Amino acid sequence: MTTSFNSEKGKVYLVGAGPGDPGLLTVKAVEVIQKADIILYDKLVGEEIIKMLKDMNKQIIYVGK
């Protein structure tokens, strides 16, 4: 039996959302979010930022807290 896998390395970024206003995200945070394939978030992320992610058609996964 042969197992195949993608040996390309990915990256993981931790991005703080601050007080929850998307306008207060850093430029780097927005760049990382735009490049992300999947975004994991917890209950500390504000509704405005979650809406922004949905508007960007990002795959978002709630991980609880």
Protein backbone atom coordinates (compact mmCIF):
# COMPACT_ATOMS: atom_id res chain seq x y z
CA MET A 1 0.00 0.00 0.00
CA THR A 2 1.28 3.45 -0.91
CA THR A 3 0.53 6.58 1.06
CA SER A 4 0.87 9.92 -0.66
CA PHE A 5 0.97 13.30 0.96
CA ASN A 6 1.83 16.85 0.11
CA SER A 7 5.27 17.64 1.51
CA GLU A 8 4.82 21.37 0.98
CA LYS A 9 5.05 23.16 4.30
CA GLY A 10 2.27 25.47 5.37
CA LYS A 11 2.25 28.34 7.80
CA VAL A 12 0.22 29.12 10.87
CA TYR A 13 -0.30 32.69 12.03
CA LEU A 14 -1.83 33.87 15.29
CA VAL A 15 -3.63 37.17 14.78
CA GLY A 16 -5.04 39.23 17.61
CA ALA A 17 -8.34 40.92 16.87
CA GLY A 18 -7.98 43.73 19.40
CA PRO A 19 -11.22 45.25 20.69
CA GLY A 20 -13.25 43.77 17.82
CA ASP A 21 -13.41 46.67 15.36
CA PRO A 22 -12.18 45.51 11.91
CA GLY A 23 -10.89 49.04 11.29
CA LEU A 24 -8.40 48.59 14.11
CA LEU A 25 -6.74 45.46 12.71
CA THR A 26 -3.12 46.02 11.74
CA VAL A 27 -2.12 46.07 8.08
CA LYS A 28 -0.18 42.82 8.64
CA ALA A 29 -3.24 41.19 10.25
CA VAL A 30 -5.38 42.05 7.22
CA GLU A 31 -2.70 40.76 4.82
CA VAL A 32 -2.48 37.45 6.69
CA ILE A 33 -6.27 37.10 6.76
CA GLN A 34 -6.51 37.79 3.03
CA LYS A 35 -3.95 35.05 2.28
CA ALA A 36 -5.44 32.48 4.67
CA ASP A 37 -7.11 29.33 3.35
CA ILE A 38 -8.80 28.54 6.67
CA ILE A 39 -9.40 30.72 9.72
CA LEU A 40 -9.93 29.28 13.18
CA TYR A 41 -11.54 31.59 15.72
CA ASP A 42 -12.85 31.53 19.28
CA LYS A 43 -15.52 33.37 21.25
CA LEU A 44 -13.22 36.34 21.82
CA VAL A 45 -13.50 37.40 18.16
CA GLY A 46 -16.16 40.07 17.74
CA GLU A 47 -19.20 39.76 15.49
CA GLU A 48 -17.98 42.58 13.21
CA ILE A 49 -14.78 40.70 12.43
CA ILE A 50 -16.67 37.44 11.87
CA LYS A 51 -18.95 39.31 9.44
CA MET A 52 -15.88 40.70 7.67
CA LEU A 53 -14.47 37.18 7.29
CA LYS A 54 -17.77 35.88 5.91
CA ASP A 55 -17.95 38.82 3.48
CA MET A 56 -14.45 37.84 2.28
CA ASN A 57 -15.79 34.30 1.63
CA LYS A 58 -13.24 32.81 4.00
CA GLN A 59 -13.65 29.32 5.40
CA ILE A 60 -14.01 29.95 9.12
CA ILE A 61 -14.18 27.36 11.87
CA TYR A 62 -15.31 28.07 15.42
CA VAL A 63 -13.06 26.33 17.95
CA GLY A 64 -14.84 27.34 21.16
CA LYS A 65 -13.05 28.59 24.26
